[in-house]
N, C-alpha and C. Protein backbone atom coordinates (compact mmCIF):
# COMPACT_ATOMS: atom_id res chain seq x y z
N MET A 1 124.33 90.99 86.34
CA MET A 1 123.83 92.19 86.98
C MET A 1 122.97 92.97 86.00
N ALA A 2 121.80 93.42 86.46
CA ALA A 2 120.87 94.15 85.58
C ALA A 2 121.44 95.51 85.23
N GLN A 3 121.22 95.91 84.00
CA GLN A 3 121.68 97.20 83.53
C GLN A 3 120.65 98.26 83.92
N LYS A 4 121.14 99.36 84.50
CA LYS A 4 120.24 100.43 84.91
C LYS A 4 119.87 101.25 83.68
N GLN A 5 118.58 101.43 83.47
CA GLN A 5 118.08 102.12 82.30
C GLN A 5 117.02 103.12 82.75
N GLU A 6 117.06 104.35 82.22
CA GLU A 6 116.07 105.38 82.54
C GLU A 6 115.12 105.55 81.37
N LEU A 7 113.81 105.66 81.65
CA LEU A 7 112.79 105.86 80.63
C LEU A 7 112.14 107.22 80.76
N ASP A 8 111.48 107.67 79.70
CA ASP A 8 110.67 108.89 79.76
C ASP A 8 109.54 108.65 80.75
N THR A 9 109.01 109.73 81.30
CA THR A 9 108.00 109.59 82.34
C THR A 9 106.57 109.61 81.85
N GLN A 10 106.31 110.21 80.70
CA GLN A 10 104.95 110.36 80.20
C GLN A 10 104.76 109.61 78.89
N ILE A 11 103.53 109.26 78.60
CA ILE A 11 103.16 108.60 77.36
C ILE A 11 102.12 109.47 76.70
N GLN A 12 102.34 109.82 75.46
CA GLN A 12 101.39 110.67 74.74
C GLN A 12 100.52 109.81 73.84
N SER A 13 99.22 109.99 73.95
CA SER A 13 98.26 109.31 73.09
C SER A 13 97.25 110.33 72.60
N ALA A 14 96.97 110.31 71.32
CA ALA A 14 96.02 111.26 70.75
C ALA A 14 94.63 111.07 71.36
N GLY A 15 94.06 112.13 71.90
CA GLY A 15 92.69 112.09 72.40
C GLY A 15 92.51 111.46 73.77
N ASP A 16 93.54 110.82 74.32
CA ASP A 16 93.42 110.17 75.62
C ASP A 16 93.93 111.08 76.73
N ALA A 17 93.51 110.80 77.94
CA ALA A 17 94.07 111.50 79.10
C ALA A 17 95.54 111.10 79.22
N PRO A 18 96.39 112.00 79.71
CA PRO A 18 97.80 111.65 79.83
C PRO A 18 98.00 110.44 80.73
N LYS A 19 98.90 109.58 80.33
CA LYS A 19 99.23 108.39 81.10
C LYS A 19 100.69 108.50 81.49
N SER A 20 101.05 107.82 82.54
CA SER A 20 102.44 107.82 82.96
C SER A 20 102.83 106.43 83.44
N TYR A 21 104.13 106.19 83.44
CA TYR A 21 104.64 104.93 83.96
C TYR A 21 104.59 104.95 85.48
N VAL A 22 104.36 103.79 86.07
CA VAL A 22 104.25 103.66 87.52
C VAL A 22 105.56 103.12 88.08
N VAL A 23 105.98 103.69 89.21
CA VAL A 23 107.22 103.29 89.86
C VAL A 23 106.94 102.80 91.28
N ALA A 24 107.95 102.16 91.86
CA ALA A 24 107.84 101.70 93.25
C ALA A 24 107.51 102.89 94.14
N GLY A 25 106.57 102.69 95.06
CA GLY A 25 106.13 103.74 95.96
C GLY A 25 104.85 104.41 95.52
N ALA A 26 104.31 104.00 94.35
CA ALA A 26 103.04 104.57 93.87
C ALA A 26 101.96 104.34 94.91
N ILE A 27 100.97 105.24 94.93
CA ILE A 27 99.88 105.13 95.89
C ILE A 27 98.68 104.46 95.24
N LEU A 28 98.18 103.42 95.92
CA LEU A 28 97.03 102.65 95.43
C LEU A 28 95.83 102.91 96.33
N LYS A 29 94.64 102.83 95.72
CA LYS A 29 93.40 103.02 96.46
C LYS A 29 92.40 101.93 96.07
N CYS A 30 91.72 101.37 97.05
CA CYS A 30 90.64 100.41 96.81
C CYS A 30 89.34 101.06 97.26
N ASN A 31 88.30 100.98 96.46
CA ASN A 31 87.03 101.61 96.81
C ASN A 31 86.34 100.95 98.00
N CYS A 32 86.80 99.78 98.43
CA CYS A 32 86.22 99.11 99.60
C CYS A 32 87.11 99.24 100.84
N GLY A 33 88.30 99.80 100.68
CA GLY A 33 89.25 99.91 101.79
C GLY A 33 89.14 101.24 102.51
N THR A 34 89.68 101.28 103.73
CA THR A 34 89.63 102.49 104.54
C THR A 34 90.90 103.32 104.45
N GLN A 35 91.94 102.79 103.81
CA GLN A 35 93.18 103.56 103.67
C GLN A 35 93.89 103.19 102.38
N ARG A 36 94.83 104.02 101.99
CA ARG A 36 95.63 103.77 100.80
C ARG A 36 96.84 102.93 101.17
N THR A 37 97.50 102.37 100.16
CA THR A 37 98.74 101.63 100.39
C THR A 37 99.71 101.98 99.27
N ARG A 38 100.96 101.63 99.46
CA ARG A 38 101.99 101.89 98.44
C ARG A 38 102.34 100.60 97.71
N LEU A 39 102.64 100.76 96.44
CA LEU A 39 103.07 99.64 95.61
C LEU A 39 104.55 99.40 95.89
N LYS A 40 104.91 98.15 96.15
CA LYS A 40 106.28 97.80 96.55
C LYS A 40 106.90 96.84 95.54
N ILE A 41 108.22 96.76 95.59
CA ILE A 41 108.94 95.80 94.76
C ILE A 41 110.15 95.31 95.55
N PRO A 42 110.30 93.99 95.72
CA PRO A 42 111.44 93.49 96.51
C PRO A 42 112.76 93.63 95.76
N PHE A 43 112.74 93.50 94.44
CA PHE A 43 113.94 93.61 93.61
C PHE A 43 113.60 94.38 92.34
N SER A 44 114.44 95.33 91.98
CA SER A 44 114.21 96.14 90.79
C SER A 44 114.30 95.28 89.53
N HIS A 45 113.54 95.69 88.52
CA HIS A 45 113.61 95.04 87.21
C HIS A 45 114.77 95.61 86.39
N GLY A 46 115.49 96.60 86.93
CA GLY A 46 116.64 97.18 86.26
C GLY A 46 116.32 98.40 85.41
N VAL A 47 115.06 98.82 85.40
CA VAL A 47 114.66 100.02 84.66
C VAL A 47 114.15 101.04 85.67
N TYR A 48 114.62 102.29 85.53
CA TYR A 48 114.32 103.33 86.51
C TYR A 48 113.74 104.56 85.85
N ILE A 49 112.87 105.23 86.58
CA ILE A 49 112.31 106.52 86.18
C ILE A 49 112.53 107.46 87.36
N LYS A 50 113.26 108.53 87.11
CA LYS A 50 113.60 109.49 88.17
C LYS A 50 114.24 108.79 89.36
N GLY A 51 115.04 107.79 89.08
CA GLY A 51 115.76 107.07 90.12
C GLY A 51 114.93 106.04 90.87
N LYS A 52 113.69 105.79 90.43
CA LYS A 52 112.82 104.83 91.12
C LYS A 52 112.54 103.65 90.20
N ALA A 53 112.45 102.47 90.77
CA ALA A 53 112.23 101.24 90.00
C ALA A 53 110.88 101.26 89.29
N GLN A 54 110.92 100.98 87.98
CA GLN A 54 109.68 100.91 87.21
C GLN A 54 108.97 99.60 87.49
N MET A 55 107.64 99.65 87.51
CA MET A 55 106.81 98.49 87.80
C MET A 55 106.21 97.91 86.52
N THR A 56 105.83 96.63 86.59
CA THR A 56 105.19 95.95 85.47
C THR A 56 103.80 95.47 85.88
N VAL A 57 103.02 95.00 84.91
CA VAL A 57 101.68 94.48 85.21
C VAL A 57 101.75 93.23 86.07
N GLU A 58 102.90 92.60 86.13
CA GLU A 58 103.07 91.39 86.94
C GLU A 58 103.37 91.69 88.41
N ASP A 59 103.50 92.97 88.76
CA ASP A 59 103.77 93.36 90.15
C ASP A 59 102.44 93.59 90.87
N TYR A 60 101.77 92.48 91.20
CA TYR A 60 100.42 92.56 91.80
C TYR A 60 100.24 91.63 92.99
N ILE A 61 101.25 90.92 93.41
CA ILE A 61 101.11 89.88 94.44
C ILE A 61 100.82 90.52 95.82
N PRO A 62 99.68 90.15 96.44
CA PRO A 62 99.37 90.67 97.77
C PRO A 62 100.45 90.25 98.78
N GLY A 63 100.81 91.17 99.66
CA GLY A 63 101.83 90.90 100.66
C GLY A 63 103.25 91.12 100.15
N ILE A 64 103.44 91.12 98.85
CA ILE A 64 104.76 91.40 98.27
C ILE A 64 104.73 92.77 97.60
N HIS A 65 103.80 92.96 96.67
CA HIS A 65 103.68 94.23 95.94
C HIS A 65 102.58 95.13 96.50
N ILE A 66 101.50 94.51 96.94
CA ILE A 66 100.33 95.26 97.40
C ILE A 66 100.00 94.86 98.83
N GLY A 67 99.97 95.86 99.71
CA GLY A 67 99.65 95.61 101.11
C GLY A 67 98.16 95.78 101.38
N SER A 68 97.83 95.80 102.63
CA SER A 68 96.45 95.95 103.08
C SER A 68 95.94 97.36 102.82
N PHE A 69 94.65 97.46 102.55
CA PHE A 69 93.98 98.76 102.41
C PHE A 69 93.23 99.10 103.70
N GLY A 70 93.76 98.66 104.82
CA GLY A 70 93.13 98.94 106.12
C GLY A 70 92.05 97.94 106.42
N ASN A 71 90.80 98.39 106.41
CA ASN A 71 89.65 97.53 106.62
C ASN A 71 88.80 97.51 105.36
N CYS A 72 88.21 96.35 105.08
CA CYS A 72 87.34 96.17 103.93
C CYS A 72 85.89 96.32 104.37
N SER A 73 85.09 96.98 103.52
CA SER A 73 83.67 97.17 103.85
C SER A 73 82.74 96.49 102.85
N ASN A 74 83.29 95.70 101.92
CA ASN A 74 82.44 95.07 100.91
C ASN A 74 81.71 93.87 101.52
N PRO A 75 80.37 93.88 101.54
CA PRO A 75 79.62 92.77 102.14
C PRO A 75 79.78 91.46 101.38
N LEU A 76 80.35 91.49 100.16
CA LEU A 76 80.62 90.25 99.42
C LEU A 76 81.85 89.52 99.97
N ASN A 77 82.64 90.22 100.76
CA ASN A 77 83.82 89.62 101.39
C ASN A 77 83.32 88.76 102.56
N PRO A 78 83.60 87.45 102.56
CA PRO A 78 83.13 86.58 103.65
C PRO A 78 83.58 87.05 105.03
N ALA A 79 84.77 87.65 105.12
CA ALA A 79 85.25 88.14 106.42
C ALA A 79 84.39 89.31 106.91
N VAL A 80 83.93 90.15 106.00
CA VAL A 80 83.05 91.27 106.37
C VAL A 80 81.68 90.74 106.77
N GLU A 81 81.19 89.79 106.01
CA GLU A 81 79.87 89.22 106.28
C GLU A 81 79.77 88.66 107.70
N THR A 82 80.84 88.03 108.17
CA THR A 82 80.81 87.40 109.50
C THR A 82 81.40 88.29 110.60
N SER A 83 81.86 89.46 110.24
CA SER A 83 82.51 90.36 111.20
C SER A 83 81.50 90.97 112.17
N THR A 84 81.99 91.27 113.36
CA THR A 84 81.19 92.00 114.34
C THR A 84 81.67 93.44 114.45
N MET A 85 82.72 93.80 113.71
CA MET A 85 83.27 95.16 113.74
C MET A 85 82.43 96.07 112.84
N VAL A 86 82.00 97.21 113.39
CA VAL A 86 81.25 98.20 112.62
C VAL A 86 81.85 99.58 112.86
N ASP A 87 81.70 100.46 111.86
CA ASP A 87 82.19 101.83 112.03
C ASP A 87 81.10 102.70 112.66
N ILE A 88 81.36 103.99 112.79
CA ILE A 88 80.41 104.87 113.46
C ILE A 88 79.10 105.03 112.69
N TYR A 89 79.10 104.60 111.42
CA TYR A 89 77.88 104.68 110.60
C TYR A 89 77.14 103.34 110.56
N GLY A 90 77.64 102.35 111.28
CA GLY A 90 77.01 101.05 111.31
C GLY A 90 77.41 100.12 110.16
N VAL A 91 78.43 100.52 109.40
CA VAL A 91 78.90 99.69 108.28
C VAL A 91 79.86 98.62 108.81
N LYS A 92 79.57 97.37 108.47
CA LYS A 92 80.43 96.27 108.89
C LYS A 92 81.75 96.33 108.16
N LYS A 93 82.82 95.98 108.88
CA LYS A 93 84.17 95.99 108.31
C LYS A 93 84.93 94.78 108.82
N ALA A 94 86.01 94.45 108.10
CA ALA A 94 86.94 93.40 108.52
C ALA A 94 88.31 93.78 107.98
N PRO A 95 89.38 93.31 108.60
CA PRO A 95 90.71 93.62 108.09
C PRO A 95 90.84 93.24 106.61
N CYS A 96 91.41 94.14 105.83
CA CYS A 96 91.59 93.92 104.39
C CYS A 96 92.73 92.94 104.15
N MET A 97 92.44 91.94 103.35
CA MET A 97 93.44 91.00 102.87
C MET A 97 93.15 90.82 101.38
N PRO A 98 93.74 91.67 100.50
CA PRO A 98 93.40 91.60 99.08
C PRO A 98 93.64 90.20 98.50
N VAL A 99 92.74 89.79 97.62
CA VAL A 99 92.89 88.53 96.90
C VAL A 99 92.94 88.88 95.41
N LEU A 100 94.13 88.77 94.85
CA LEU A 100 94.37 89.12 93.44
C LEU A 100 94.98 87.92 92.75
N THR A 101 94.42 87.53 91.61
CA THR A 101 94.86 86.30 90.96
C THR A 101 95.42 86.48 89.56
N MET A 102 95.45 87.71 89.07
CA MET A 102 95.94 87.95 87.72
C MET A 102 96.64 89.30 87.66
N PRO A 103 97.40 89.56 86.59
CA PRO A 103 98.11 90.84 86.47
C PRO A 103 97.17 92.03 86.36
N TRP A 104 97.75 93.22 86.52
CA TRP A 104 97.03 94.47 86.32
C TRP A 104 96.48 94.51 84.90
N LEU A 105 95.35 95.19 84.70
CA LEU A 105 94.74 95.33 83.39
C LEU A 105 95.20 96.62 82.71
N HIS A 106 95.31 96.60 81.39
CA HIS A 106 95.57 97.77 80.55
C HIS A 106 97.01 98.29 80.63
N GLY A 107 97.99 97.38 80.77
CA GLY A 107 99.39 97.79 80.75
C GLY A 107 99.82 98.19 79.35
N LYS A 108 101.03 98.69 79.23
CA LYS A 108 101.57 99.12 77.95
C LYS A 108 102.39 97.98 77.37
N GLY A 109 101.73 97.13 76.57
CA GLY A 109 102.34 95.93 76.03
C GLY A 109 103.50 96.18 75.09
N ASP A 110 103.53 97.35 74.43
CA ASP A 110 104.64 97.61 73.51
C ASP A 110 105.84 98.24 74.21
N THR A 111 105.74 98.42 75.54
CA THR A 111 106.89 98.83 76.35
C THR A 111 107.08 97.75 77.40
N GLU A 112 108.10 96.94 77.21
CA GLU A 112 108.31 95.82 78.12
C GLU A 112 109.48 96.06 79.05
N VAL A 113 109.34 95.54 80.26
CA VAL A 113 110.39 95.55 81.26
C VAL A 113 110.59 94.10 81.66
N GLU A 114 111.76 93.56 81.38
CA GLU A 114 112.03 92.14 81.60
C GLU A 114 110.96 91.25 80.95
N GLY A 115 110.53 91.63 79.75
CA GLY A 115 109.58 90.83 79.00
C GLY A 115 108.13 90.96 79.43
N LYS A 116 107.84 91.89 80.32
CA LYS A 116 106.47 92.08 80.82
C LYS A 116 106.01 93.51 80.52
N ALA A 117 104.71 93.69 80.27
CA ALA A 117 104.16 95.01 79.95
C ALA A 117 104.38 95.98 81.10
N ALA A 118 104.71 97.23 80.74
CA ALA A 118 104.91 98.28 81.73
C ALA A 118 103.58 98.63 82.39
N LEU A 119 103.62 98.93 83.69
CA LEU A 119 102.44 99.34 84.44
C LEU A 119 102.22 100.84 84.21
N LEU A 120 100.98 101.21 83.88
CA LEU A 120 100.62 102.60 83.62
C LEU A 120 99.69 103.14 84.69
N SER A 121 99.66 104.45 84.82
CA SER A 121 98.82 105.10 85.83
C SER A 121 97.34 104.82 85.63
N GLN A 122 96.94 104.44 84.42
CA GLN A 122 95.53 104.15 84.13
C GLN A 122 95.15 102.67 84.36
N CYS A 123 96.12 101.84 84.75
CA CYS A 123 95.86 100.42 84.98
C CYS A 123 94.93 100.24 86.18
N THR A 124 94.16 99.17 86.15
CA THR A 124 93.23 98.86 87.23
C THR A 124 93.38 97.40 87.64
N HIS A 125 92.80 97.09 88.79
CA HIS A 125 92.79 95.71 89.27
C HIS A 125 91.48 95.47 89.99
N LYS A 126 91.11 94.22 90.13
CA LYS A 126 89.86 93.84 90.81
C LYS A 126 90.18 92.78 91.85
N CYS A 127 89.85 93.07 93.10
CA CYS A 127 90.02 92.10 94.18
C CYS A 127 88.87 91.08 94.08
N LEU A 128 89.15 89.83 94.40
CA LEU A 128 88.10 88.82 94.36
C LEU A 128 87.00 89.07 95.39
N HIS A 129 87.28 89.94 96.37
CA HIS A 129 86.26 90.31 97.34
C HIS A 129 85.42 91.49 96.84
N GLY A 130 85.64 91.94 95.60
CA GLY A 130 84.80 92.95 94.98
C GLY A 130 85.36 94.35 94.89
N GLY A 131 86.51 94.60 95.48
CA GLY A 131 87.08 95.95 95.45
C GLY A 131 87.70 96.30 94.11
N ASP A 132 87.56 97.56 93.72
CA ASP A 132 88.21 98.09 92.52
C ASP A 132 89.46 98.85 92.97
N ILE A 133 90.62 98.42 92.47
CA ILE A 133 91.89 99.01 92.86
C ILE A 133 92.39 99.91 91.74
N LEU A 134 92.71 101.15 92.11
CA LEU A 134 93.19 102.15 91.17
C LEU A 134 94.55 102.67 91.61
N ILE A 135 95.30 103.19 90.66
CA ILE A 135 96.57 103.84 90.96
C ILE A 135 96.26 105.33 91.11
N GLU A 136 96.34 105.82 92.33
CA GLU A 136 96.00 107.21 92.62
C GLU A 136 97.15 108.15 92.28
N ASP A 137 98.39 107.70 92.46
CA ASP A 137 99.57 108.52 92.15
C ASP A 137 100.64 107.58 91.62
N ASP A 138 101.25 107.92 90.48
CA ASP A 138 102.23 107.03 89.84
C ASP A 138 103.52 106.89 90.63
N GLY A 139 103.74 107.72 91.65
CA GLY A 139 104.90 107.61 92.50
C GLY A 139 106.14 108.34 92.03
N GLN A 140 106.12 108.89 90.83
CA GLN A 140 107.31 109.50 90.28
C GLN A 140 107.78 110.72 91.07
N GLN A 141 106.86 111.48 91.65
CA GLN A 141 107.22 112.71 92.37
C GLN A 141 107.22 112.52 93.89
N LEU A 142 106.92 111.32 94.37
CA LEU A 142 106.79 111.07 95.81
C LEU A 142 108.12 110.71 96.44
N ASP A 143 108.24 111.05 97.70
CA ASP A 143 109.37 110.60 98.51
C ASP A 143 108.92 109.36 99.25
N PHE A 144 109.84 108.46 99.49
CA PHE A 144 109.49 107.22 100.21
C PHE A 144 109.36 107.46 101.68
C-alpha cells in the first residue's frame, strides 16, 4: 500500500515566476480547442498536496489523464481539414482528440514521485495536431 505523503505547494526560484506543483483536477487549455479540460488520474501516486493527488510528467495519456478540448480548429489536423463543421466566423472545426506521444516538458526532475519528475504549473505539452497545451490552474485550490 502506498504511503500518503504531503508536499509543500510552492517552489521558489530566484528571478523566475512562481511555480507550483500540479494536482489531479488541474485545468488545462489548448490554444486550438474550444473548451478547457481537467487533468485526471486513475490511481494516486501516493503523494498529496492539500489532500489532492500530485501529478507527474508521465500523466499525459489522452483519454486517461487528458480529455477532449471540445472542438479543434487547427487546419493542420486532418480531421479539421476534411470537416464540414464551421463556427459562426466560418472557421472549420472537428471534435478534439488530442494526440500526445511524450511526457510533459519542463517538470521538476529533482522532485520525484514514484521515480518520475513532478509536474509543475509551468509545464507545457504539444499535440501532434499542432495545439499548445498549458496548465491554466494547478488545481490546488479547486473543488472537483
